Amino acid sequence: MHTIKLKVKDSVYEHVICLLKSLNKQELEIIEDNKISENDEESSIDFSKYNIKAFQDIEDPVKWQRDIRVEWDR
């Protein structure tokens, strides 16, 4: 058995599905994914746009982590 993944434009999609459905159904399983938006950037987050200052005041990060973990050593 083999797996084939296709990315097709909306204008071709129905033709490809029709062709695949015309084949022997016992030898073929059609697994349809959800439609992918043409602009995937809208659904992703670009963290480079953010300036995180939460840990900026920590002078010695290693000492800070050790101090936090001391409570685990009970």
Protein backbone atom coordinates (compact mmCIF):
# COMPACT_ATOMS: atom_id res chain seq x y z
CA MET A 1 0.00 0.00 0.00
CA HIS A 2 1.22 3.54 -0.76
CA THR A 3 0.18 6.98 0.40
CA ILE A 4 -0.11 9.94 -1.95
CA LYS A 5 -0.65 13.51 -0.78
CA LEU A 6 -1.85 16.12 -3.25
CA LYS A 7 -2.29 19.85 -2.95
CA VAL A 8 -4.78 20.93 -5.56
CA LYS A 9 -6.47 24.21 -6.37
CA ASP A 10 -10.20 24.50 -5.77
CA SER A 11 -10.85 24.50 -9.51
CA VAL A 12 -9.30 21.04 -9.91
CA TYR A 13 -10.38 19.46 -6.63
CA GLU A 14 -13.75 18.10 -7.74
CA HIS A 15 -12.24 16.57 -10.87
CA VAL A 16 -9.52 14.79 -8.90
CA ILE A 17 -12.01 13.47 -6.35
CA CYS A 18 -14.32 12.30 -9.11
CA LEU A 19 -11.45 10.47 -10.79
CA LEU A 20 -10.36 8.82 -7.54
CA LYS A 21 -13.90 7.75 -6.68
CA SER A 22 -14.23 6.08 -10.06
CA LEU A 23 -11.41 3.67 -9.17
CA ASN A 24 -11.87 0.36 -7.38
CA LYS A 25 -13.04 1.26 -3.86
CA GLN A 26 -11.67 -1.97 -2.42
CA GLU A 27 -8.14 -0.98 -3.40
CA LEU A 28 -8.37 2.72 -2.60
CA GLU A 29 -9.20 4.70 0.52
CA ILE A 30 -9.80 8.42 0.06
CA ILE A 31 -8.86 10.50 3.08
CA GLU A 32 -9.81 14.14 2.64
CA ASP A 33 -8.19 16.83 4.76
CA ASN A 34 -9.77 20.13 5.57
CA LYS A 35 -9.37 22.93 3.11
CA ILE A 36 -6.16 24.87 3.71
CA SER A 37 -6.58 28.61 3.69
CA GLU A 38 -4.59 30.38 1.03
CA ASN A 39 -3.12 32.72 3.62
CA ASP A 40 -1.84 30.48 6.43
CA GLU A 41 0.06 33.41 7.92
CA GLU A 42 -3.21 34.70 9.37
CA SER A 43 -3.54 31.61 11.55
CA SER A 44 0.07 31.58 12.79
CA ILE A 45 1.71 33.79 15.39
CA ASP A 46 4.90 35.70 14.60
CA PHE A 47 6.71 35.96 17.94
CA SER A 48 9.33 38.28 16.48
CA LYS A 49 6.74 41.05 16.74
CA TYR A 50 6.78 40.85 20.54
CA ASN A 51 9.35 42.21 22.97
CA ILE A 52 9.20 40.06 26.12
CA LYS A 53 10.69 41.77 29.19
CA ALA A 54 9.62 39.31 31.91
CA PHE A 55 13.11 37.96 32.70
CA GLN A 56 15.08 41.07 31.82
CA ASP A 57 15.92 41.96 35.46
CA ILE A 58 17.50 38.58 36.33
CA GLU A 59 21.23 39.13 36.78
CA ASP A 60 22.31 35.50 37.19
CA PRO A 61 19.85 33.14 35.43
CA VAL A 62 21.56 29.96 36.68
CA LYS A 63 21.41 31.11 40.33
CA TRP A 64 17.80 32.18 39.83
CA GLN A 65 16.86 28.71 38.53
CA ARG A 66 18.69 26.98 41.40
CA ASP A 67 16.87 29.15 43.95
CA ILE A 68 13.54 28.17 42.41
CA ARG A 69 14.41 24.47 42.45
CA VAL A 70 15.45 24.48 46.13
CA GLU A 71 11.83 23.95 47.11
CA TRP A 72 11.83 20.69 45.11
CA ASP A 73 14.68 19.26 47.22
CA ARG A 74 12.59 18.73 50.37
